[in-house]
Amino acid sequence: METSQFIDQLAQGQAADAKQTLTDLLSARAFEALEGRKQELAQSLFTGKEIDAHSGQEIETETEEEVSTQ
């Protein structure tokens, strides 16, 4: 589904179809963003580094071993 399909449906007065298309487009984008974030979190579990959601920069965190030895 593409944005152009949504625009075409609006132009043709197909409000119900346009609404469904918009919902589908937004859901797909949200799902892609969620999948990307899940991958970032999974990587941080194995490297001991966290990625800031806003800046995309790595944040060093203490691992459980480091915390338990202190």
C-alpha atoms as a PDB file:
ATOM      1  CA  MET A   1       0.000   0.000   0.000  1.00  0.00           C
ATOM      2  CA  GLU A   2       1.248   3.417  -0.871  1.00  0.00           C
ATOM      3  CA  THR A   3       0.485   6.976   0.066  1.00  0.00           C
ATOM      4  CA  SER A   4      -0.622   7.658  -3.502  1.00  0.00           C
ATOM      5  CA  GLN A   5      -3.388   5.082  -3.132  1.00  0.00           C
ATOM      6  CA  PHE A   6      -4.627   6.938  -0.037  1.00  0.00           C
ATOM      7  CA  ILE A   7      -4.600  10.259  -1.912  1.00  0.00           C
ATOM      8  CA  ASP A   8      -6.418   8.739  -4.894  1.00  0.00           C
ATOM      9  CA  GLN A   9      -9.116   7.355  -2.625  1.00  0.00           C
ATOM     10  CA  LEU A  10      -9.598  10.753  -0.997  1.00  0.00           C
ATOM     11  CA  ALA A  11      -9.797  12.459  -4.378  1.00  0.00           C
ATOM     12  CA  GLN A  12     -12.443   9.980  -5.531  1.00  0.00           C
ATOM     13  CA  GLY A  13     -14.521  10.520  -2.386  1.00  0.00           C
ATOM     14  CA  GLN A  14     -13.933   7.026  -1.027  1.00  0.00           C
ATOM     15  CA  ALA A  15     -13.650   8.117   2.609  1.00  0.00           C
ATOM     16  CA  ALA A  16     -14.121   4.669   4.160  1.00  0.00           C
ATOM     17  CA  ASP A  17     -11.500   3.091   1.911  1.00  0.00           C
ATOM     18  CA  ALA A  18      -9.128   6.010   2.497  1.00  0.00           C
ATOM     19  CA  LYS A  19      -9.535   5.629   6.255  1.00  0.00           C
ATOM     20  CA  GLN A  20      -8.672   1.926   6.064  1.00  0.00           C
ATOM     21  CA  THR A  21      -5.692   2.633   3.817  1.00  0.00           C
ATOM     22  CA  LEU A  22      -4.407   5.285   6.214  1.00  0.00           C
ATOM     23  CA  THR A  23      -4.822   2.921   9.159  1.00  0.00           C
ATOM     24  CA  ASP A  24      -2.902   0.235   7.293  1.00  0.00           C
ATOM     25  CA  LEU A  25      -0.103   2.648   6.356  1.00  0.00           C
ATOM     26  CA  LEU A  26       0.286   3.911   9.918  1.00  0.00           C
ATOM     27  CA  SER A  27       0.199   0.396  11.337  1.00  0.00           C
ATOM     28  CA  ALA A  28       2.904  -0.752   8.942  1.00  0.00           C
ATOM     29  CA  ARG A  29       5.154   2.181   9.857  1.00  0.00           C
ATOM     30  CA  ALA A  30       4.604   1.643  13.568  1.00  0.00           C
ATOM     31  CA  PHE A  31       5.385  -2.057  13.182  1.00  0.00           C
ATOM     32  CA  GLU A  32       8.622  -1.276  11.315  1.00  0.00           C
ATOM     33  CA  ALA A  33       9.670   1.184  14.014  1.00  0.00           C
ATOM     34  CA  LEU A  34       8.862  -1.342  16.721  1.00  0.00           C
ATOM     35  CA  GLU A  35      10.868  -4.050  14.987  1.00  0.00           C
ATOM     36  CA  GLY A  36      13.855  -1.703  14.709  1.00  0.00           C
ATOM     37  CA  ARG A  37      13.639  -0.811  18.386  1.00  0.00           C
ATOM     38  CA  LYS A  38      13.377  -4.476  19.351  1.00  0.00           C
ATOM     39  CA  GLN A  39      16.578  -5.177  17.428  1.00  0.00           C
ATOM     40  CA  GLU A  40      18.349  -2.299  19.177  1.00  0.00           C
ATOM     41  CA  LEU A  41      17.260  -3.607  22.573  1.00  0.00           C
ATOM     42  CA  ALA A  42      18.310  -7.138  21.717  1.00  0.00           C
ATOM     43  CA  GLN A  43      21.767  -5.913  20.724  1.00  0.00           C
ATOM     44  CA  SER A  44      22.082  -3.933  23.941  1.00  0.00           C
ATOM     45  CA  LEU A  45      21.366  -7.053  25.985  1.00  0.00           C
ATOM     46  CA  PHE A  46      24.413  -8.775  24.543  1.00  0.00           C
ATOM     47  CA  THR A  47      26.826  -5.843  24.392  1.00  0.00           C
ATOM     48  CA  GLY A  48      26.040  -4.201  27.725  1.00  0.00           C
ATOM     49  CA  LYS A  49      25.364  -0.934  25.932  1.00  0.00           C
ATOM     50  CA  GLU A  50      22.048   0.814  25.673  1.00  0.00           C
ATOM     51  CA  ILE A  51      21.028   3.014  22.753  1.00  0.00           C
ATOM     52  CA  ASP A  52      19.241   6.253  23.586  1.00  0.00           C
ATOM     53  CA  ALA A  53      15.893   6.239  21.777  1.00  0.00           C
ATOM     54  CA  HIS A  54      16.011   9.948  20.990  1.00  0.00           C
ATOM     55  CA  SER A  55      19.620  10.557  20.010  1.00  0.00           C
ATOM     56  CA  GLY A  56      20.557   7.103  18.747  1.00  0.00           C
ATOM     57  CA  GLN A  57      23.808   7.274  20.731  1.00  0.00           C
ATOM     58  CA  GLU A  58      25.113   4.431  22.830  1.00  0.00           C
ATOM     59  CA  ILE A  59      24.894   4.714  26.589  1.00  0.00           C
ATOM     60  CA  GLU A  60      27.196   2.495  28.607  1.00  0.00           C
ATOM     61  CA  THR A  61      25.413   0.570  31.321  1.00  0.00           C
ATOM     62  CA  GLU A  62      26.735  -1.696  34.020  1.00  0.00           C
ATOM     63  CA  THR A  63      26.275  -5.399  33.433  1.00  0.00           C
ATOM     64  CA  GLU A  64      24.871  -7.623  36.174  1.00  0.00           C
ATOM     65  CA  GLU A  65      28.370  -8.982  36.833  1.00  0.00           C
ATOM     66  CA  GLU A  66      29.772  -5.499  37.336  1.00  0.00           C
ATOM     67  CA  VAL A  67      26.990  -4.596  39.735  1.00  0.00           C
ATOM     68  CA  SER A  68      27.309  -7.789  41.787  1.00  0.00           C
ATOM     69  CA  THR A  69      31.114  -7.369  42.228  1.00  0.00           C
ATOM     70  CA  GLN A  70      30.800  -3.842  43.602  1.00  0.00           C
END
